[in-house]
Structure formats: C-alpha cells, structure tokens
C-alpha atoms as a PDB file:
ATOM      1  CA  MET A   1     184.375 187.859 -36.796  1.00  0.00           C
ATOM      2  CA  THR A   2     182.591 184.749 -37.980  1.00  0.00           C
ATOM      3  CA  THR A   3     180.608 182.511 -35.725  1.00  0.00           C
ATOM      4  CA  VAL A   4     179.911 178.849 -36.156  1.00  0.00           C
ATOM      5  CA  ALA A   5     176.257 177.917 -36.061  1.00  0.00           C
ATOM      6  CA  PRO A   6     175.481 175.421 -33.305  1.00  0.00           C
ATOM      7  CA  ILE A   7     174.475 171.898 -34.212  1.00  0.00           C
ATOM      8  CA  THR A   8     170.700 171.932 -34.034  1.00  0.00           C
ATOM      9  CA  THR A   9     169.685 168.612 -35.532  1.00  0.00           C
ATOM     10  CA  THR A  10     168.959 165.612 -33.371  1.00  0.00           C
ATOM     11  CA  ALA A  11     171.458 163.521 -35.347  1.00  0.00           C
ATOM     12  CA  GLY A  12     174.081 166.243 -34.915  1.00  0.00           C
ATOM     13  CA  ARG A  13     173.629 166.336 -31.150  1.00  0.00           C
ATOM     14  CA  ALA A  14     173.751 162.548 -30.929  1.00  0.00           C
ATOM     15  CA  ARG A  15     176.966 162.505 -32.977  1.00  0.00           C
ATOM     16  CA  GLU A  16     178.438 165.209 -30.736  1.00  0.00           C
ATOM     17  CA  ARG A  17     177.625 163.167 -27.606  1.00  0.00           C
ATOM     18  CA  ARG A  18     179.557 160.199 -29.054  1.00  0.00           C
ATOM     19  CA  LEU A  19     182.782 162.193 -29.544  1.00  0.00           C
ATOM     20  CA  PRO A  20     184.266 161.185 -26.161  1.00  0.00           C
ATOM     21  CA  ALA A  21     183.633 157.528 -27.014  1.00  0.00           C
ATOM     22  CA  TYR A  22     185.415 157.998 -30.357  1.00  0.00           C
ATOM     23  CA  LEU A  23     188.324 159.663 -28.575  1.00  0.00           C
ATOM     24  CA  LEU A  24     188.575 156.802 -26.070  1.00  0.00           C
ATOM     25  CA  ALA A  25     188.398 154.237 -28.895  1.00  0.00           C
ATOM     26  CA  GLY A  26     191.226 156.071 -30.670  1.00  0.00           C
ATOM     27  CA  VAL A  27     193.346 156.162 -27.527  1.00  0.00           C
ATOM     28  CA  ALA A  28     192.702 152.438 -26.945  1.00  0.00           C
ATOM     29  CA  PHE A  29     193.636 151.714 -30.572  1.00  0.00           C
ATOM     30  CA  GLY A  30     196.853 153.713 -30.130  1.00  0.00           C
ATOM     31  CA  ILE A  31     197.718 151.749 -26.990  1.00  0.00           C
ATOM     32  CA  VAL A  32     197.116 148.457 -28.815  1.00  0.00           C
ATOM     33  CA  LEU A  33     199.292 149.599 -31.740  1.00  0.00           C
ATOM     34  CA  THR A  34     202.067 150.653 -29.378  1.00  0.00           C
ATOM     35  CA  LYS A  35     201.945 147.626 -27.074  1.00  0.00           C
ATOM     36  CA  GLY A  36     201.694 145.280 -30.060  1.00  0.00           C
ATOM     37  CA  GLU A  37     204.863 146.868 -31.476  1.00  0.00           C
ATOM     38  CA  LEU A  38     202.990 147.762 -34.659  1.00  0.00           C
ATOM     39  CA  VAL A  39     204.418 151.288 -34.555  1.00  0.00           C
ATOM     40  CA  SER A  40     207.983 150.123 -33.982  1.00  0.00           C
ATOM     41  CA  TRP A  41     210.341 151.283 -36.702  1.00  0.00           C
ATOM     42  CA  PHE A  42     212.354 148.121 -36.176  1.00  0.00           C
ATOM     43  CA  ARG A  43     209.277 145.895 -36.717  1.00  0.00           C
ATOM     44  CA  ILE A  44     208.383 147.808 -39.877  1.00  0.00           C
ATOM     45  CA  GLN A  45     211.950 147.596 -41.186  1.00  0.00           C
ATOM     46  CA  GLU A  46     211.987 143.883 -40.362  1.00  0.00           C
ATOM     47  CA  ALA A  47     208.822 143.373 -42.413  1.00  0.00           C
ATOM     48  CA  LEU A  48     209.968 145.520 -45.345  1.00  0.00           C
ATOM     49  CA  ARG A  49     213.224 143.550 -45.528  1.00  0.00           C
ATOM     50  CA  PHE A  50     211.320 140.241 -45.225  1.00  0.00           C
ATOM     51  CA  LYS A  51     213.331 139.327 -42.117  1.00  0.00           C
ATOM     52  CA  GLY A  52     210.301 138.629 -39.952  1.00  0.00           C
ATOM     53  CA  LEU A  53     206.663 137.689 -40.388  1.00  0.00           C
ATOM     54  CA  TYR A  54     205.208 139.454 -37.328  1.00  0.00           C
ATOM     55  CA  LEU A  55     203.641 142.395 -39.192  1.00  0.00           C
ATOM     56  CA  TYR A  56     202.287 140.139 -41.941  1.00  0.00           C
ATOM     57  CA  GLU A  57     200.755 137.824 -39.343  1.00  0.00           C
ATOM     58  CA  VAL A  58     198.985 140.786 -37.739  1.00  0.00           C
ATOM     59  CA  PHE A  59     197.661 141.892 -41.145  1.00  0.00           C
ATOM     60  CA  ALA A  60     196.476 138.351 -41.882  1.00  0.00           C
ATOM     61  CA  SER A  61     194.710 138.108 -38.524  1.00  0.00           C
ATOM     62  CA  ALA A  62     192.975 141.439 -39.217  1.00  0.00           C
ATOM     63  CA  LEU A  63     191.723 140.061 -42.531  1.00  0.00           C
ATOM     64  CA  ALA A  64     190.604 136.839 -40.844  1.00  0.00           C
ATOM     65  CA  VAL A  65     188.392 138.930 -38.541  1.00  0.00           C
ATOM     66  CA  THR A  66     187.138 141.617 -40.924  1.00  0.00           C
ATOM     67  CA  ILE A  67     186.164 139.489 -43.925  1.00  0.00           C
ATOM     68  CA  PRO A  68     183.579 137.422 -41.987  1.00  0.00           C
ATOM     69  CA  ALA A  69     182.498 140.556 -40.058  1.00  0.00           C
ATOM     70  CA  PHE A  70     181.728 142.464 -43.262  1.00  0.00           C
ATOM     71  CA  ALA A  71     179.905 139.447 -44.683  1.00  0.00           C
ATOM     72  CA  LEU A  72     177.784 139.311 -41.511  1.00  0.00           C
ATOM     73  CA  LEU A  73     177.034 143.051 -41.699  1.00  0.00           C
ATOM     74  CA  LYS A  74     175.948 142.676 -45.306  1.00  0.00           C
ATOM     75  CA  ARG A  75     173.808 139.587 -44.668  1.00  0.00           C
ATOM     76  CA  ARG A  76     171.977 141.139 -41.719  1.00  0.00           C
ATOM     77  CA  ALA A  77     171.547 144.588 -43.366  1.00  0.00           C
ATOM     78  CA  VAL A  78     172.950 146.286 -40.251  1.00  0.00           C
ATOM     79  CA  ARG A  79     172.488 150.045 -39.847  1.00  0.00           C
ATOM     80  CA  SER A  80     174.964 152.612 -38.539  1.00  0.00           C
ATOM     81  CA  LEU A  81     174.635 154.173 -35.077  1.00  0.00           C
ATOM     82  CA  SER A  82     172.739 157.081 -36.660  1.00  0.00           C
ATOM     83  CA  GLY A  83     170.283 154.660 -38.327  1.00  0.00           C
ATOM     84  CA  GLU A  84     171.587 154.948 -41.882  1.00  0.00           C
ATOM     85  CA  PRO A  85     172.020 151.740 -43.893  1.00  0.00           C
ATOM     86  CA  ILE A  86     175.619 150.598 -44.190  1.00  0.00           C
ATOM     87  CA  ALA A  87     176.405 150.271 -47.877  1.00  0.00           C
ATOM     88  CA  ILE A  88     179.772 149.276 -49.286  1.00  0.00           C
ATOM     89  CA  PRO A  89     179.782 150.137 -52.982  1.00  0.00           C
ATOM     90  CA  PRO A  90     181.675 147.833 -55.325  1.00  0.00           C
ATOM     91  CA  LYS A  91     185.201 148.971 -56.114  1.00  0.00           C
ATOM     92  CA  VAL A  92     185.743 150.116 -59.674  1.00  0.00           C
ATOM     93  CA  LEU A  93     189.309 149.418 -60.687  1.00  0.00           C
ATOM     94  CA  GLY A  94     191.088 151.846 -62.955  1.00  0.00           C
ATOM     95  CA  ARG A  95     194.305 151.578 -64.892  1.00  0.00           C
ATOM     96  CA  GLY A  96     197.238 149.976 -63.145  1.00  0.00           C
ATOM     97  CA  TYR A  97     199.693 152.869 -63.398  1.00  0.00           C
ATOM     98  CA  ARG A  98     197.871 154.962 -60.814  1.00  0.00           C
ATOM     99  CA  TYR A  99     198.167 152.121 -58.303  1.00  0.00           C
ATOM    100  CA  VAL A 100     201.847 151.679 -59.078  1.00  0.00           C
ATOM    101  CA  ILE A 101     202.579 155.404 -58.712  1.00  0.00           C
ATOM    102  CA  GLY A 102     200.504 155.687 -55.525  1.00  0.00           C
ATOM    103  CA  GLY A 103     202.088 152.537 -54.108  1.00  0.00           C
ATOM    104  CA  LEU A 104     205.573 153.857 -54.845  1.00  0.00           C
ATOM    105  CA  ILE A 105     204.861 157.175 -53.132  1.00  0.00           C
ATOM    106  CA  PHE A 106     203.269 155.445 -50.139  1.00  0.00           C
ATOM    107  CA  GLY A 107     206.029 152.824 -49.925  1.00  0.00           C
ATOM    108  CA  LEU A 108     208.832 155.374 -50.164  1.00  0.00           C
ATOM    109  CA  GLY A 109     207.274 157.465 -47.417  1.00  0.00           C
ATOM    110  CA  TRP A 110     206.671 154.406 -45.268  1.00  0.00           C
ATOM    111  CA  GLY A 111     210.200 153.111 -45.785  1.00  0.00           C
ATOM    112  CA  LEU A 112     211.883 156.473 -45.186  1.00  0.00           C
ATOM    113  CA  LEU A 113     209.838 157.462 -42.152  1.00  0.00           C
ATOM    114  CA  GLY A 114     209.224 154.049 -40.675  1.00  0.00           C
ATOM    115  CA  ALA A 115     205.529 154.795 -40.252  1.00  0.00           C
ATOM    116  CA  CYS A 116     202.416 154.596 -42.351  1.00  0.00           C
ATOM    117  CA  PRO A 117     199.625 157.105 -41.686  1.00  0.00           C
ATOM    118  CA  GLY A 118     197.758 154.863 -39.227  1.00  0.00           C
ATOM    119  CA  PRO A 119     200.095 154.974 -36.223  1.00  0.00           C
ATOM    120  CA  ILE A 120     201.363 158.553 -36.565  1.00  0.00           C
ATOM    121  CA  PHE A 121     199.249 159.778 -33.639  1.00  0.00           C
ATOM    122  CA  ALA A 122     200.178 156.720 -31.557  1.00  0.00           C
ATOM    123  CA  LEU A 123     203.838 157.541 -32.149  1.00  0.00           C
ATOM    124  CA  ILE A 124     203.253 161.166 -31.148  1.00  0.00           C
ATOM    125  CA  GLY A 125     201.489 159.911 -28.018  1.00  0.00           C
ATOM    126  CA  ALA A 126     204.432 157.601 -27.310  1.00  0.00           C
ATOM    127  CA  GLY A 127     206.721 160.631 -27.327  1.00  0.00           C
ATOM    128  CA  VAL A 128     208.313 160.311 -30.774  1.00  0.00           C
ATOM    129  CA  GLY A 129     208.597 164.054 -31.416  1.00  0.00           C
ATOM    130  CA  PRO A 130     209.623 163.999 -35.096  1.00  0.00           C
ATOM    131  CA  MET A 131     206.243 162.448 -35.923  1.00  0.00           C
ATOM    132  CA  VAL A 132     204.671 165.876 -35.316  1.00  0.00           C
ATOM    133  CA  VAL A 133     206.481 167.023 -38.465  1.00  0.00           C
ATOM    134  CA  VAL A 134     205.316 163.873 -40.260  1.00  0.00           C
ATOM    135  CA  SER A 135     201.687 164.546 -39.278  1.00  0.00           C
ATOM    136  CA  LEU A 136     201.948 168.133 -40.522  1.00  0.00           C
ATOM    137  CA  ALA A 137     203.468 166.872 -43.785  1.00  0.00           C
ATOM    138  CA  ALA A 138     200.632 164.334 -44.106  1.00  0.00           C
ATOM    139  CA  VAL A 139     198.046 167.101 -43.707  1.00  0.00           C
ATOM    140  CA  ALA A 140     199.910 169.251 -46.244  1.00  0.00           C
ATOM    141  CA  GLY A 141     200.080 166.325 -48.673  1.00  0.00           C
ATOM    142  CA  THR A 142     196.365 165.697 -48.261  1.00  0.00           C
ATOM    143  CA  TRP A 143     195.659 169.364 -48.974  1.00  0.00           C
ATOM    144  CA  VAL A 144     197.888 169.317 -52.075  1.00  0.00           C
ATOM    145  CA  TYR A 145     196.125 166.194 -53.338  1.00  0.00           C
ATOM    146  CA  GLY A 146     192.727 167.804 -52.785  1.00  0.00           C
ATOM    147  CA  TYR A 147     193.872 170.905 -54.664  1.00  0.00           C
ATOM    148  CA  LEU A 148     195.356 168.929 -57.578  1.00  0.00           C
ATOM    149  CA  ARG A 149     192.715 166.193 -57.706  1.00  0.00           C
ATOM    150  CA  PRO A 150     190.651 167.709 -60.526  1.00  0.00           C
ATOM    151  CA  SER A 151     193.695 167.746 -62.808  1.00  0.00           C
ATOM    152  CA  LEU A 152     195.000 164.281 -61.868  1.00  0.00           C
ATOM    153  CA  PRO A 153     194.200 161.176 -63.919  1.00  0.00           C
ATOM    154  CA  HIS A 154     191.574 159.070 -62.126  1.00  0.00           C
END
C-alpha cells in the first residue's frame, strides 16, 4: 500500500485552501455557460452552419475583455496569487500542417458531439448523460497524445 505524502510547504497549504474557491468559480462558470446557451448543441450547430452570430459575438466580447486585461497585467507586472511573476512567453509558430490536422480533429469532434472540451462538465452538470462518455474519451485522448507526443512532429 502506498501513501501520499502530505503537502508540507506553505505554498502547498495555501493552494490547498483555495481549492473550494476554484470549485465555486468552476461551478459559476458552468452556470454562466449553461444560462448563456453556450453549451447548447443547437447554438453550436447554428454557429457552425453560419446561421447565427450569437456564438461569434460571445467570442468577440471575450476577446474585447481579455486583450486589454492581458496588456494591463503585462504593463503592471502583476504576480500570481502565490507570488510568482506572471509571464506569457511568445508563441513560436511551427509548420501549418500540424494546425490543419489538429483543427480538423478538433472540428470533427466538435461538430459530431456538439461540444468542445470547455463545457463538457457544464453539460454533465446540466444532466446530459452522454457527455460522461465524451469526458472519458477526452481523458483517453489526452493520455494517448501524451504517450505518442515524443514520436509526433512538433
């Protein structure tokens, strides 16, 4: 029988104390996604067929908030809750084919399931039972990627 060593560092205990706040933030985010109809299969289908702009307007409003927020964080050299400096490294772009292949896989999954990874837990919380299978498949896919990553072109 193996035992897990308790968290003994001050930072570890502080992080552990914040877990309920993270859980509440996640639940609130799930409620917002659900009430805003951002997890609705019909809304997603509407956007993917270019029949409605609702989803694109939400994405645009998120960008309108986050771009200035990140600029402010960078300008003020804000630190994380644990005191570490927040650093966003520059993105190094690779060859285009990996983005095309990844986008196709992501888009096919999104189109077939009607959900991207973000709202899976909100859908489970809303009582959409088949999303439990989707979440298990997402975990399995993440594990497969981690296993194959060293042999994949990056």
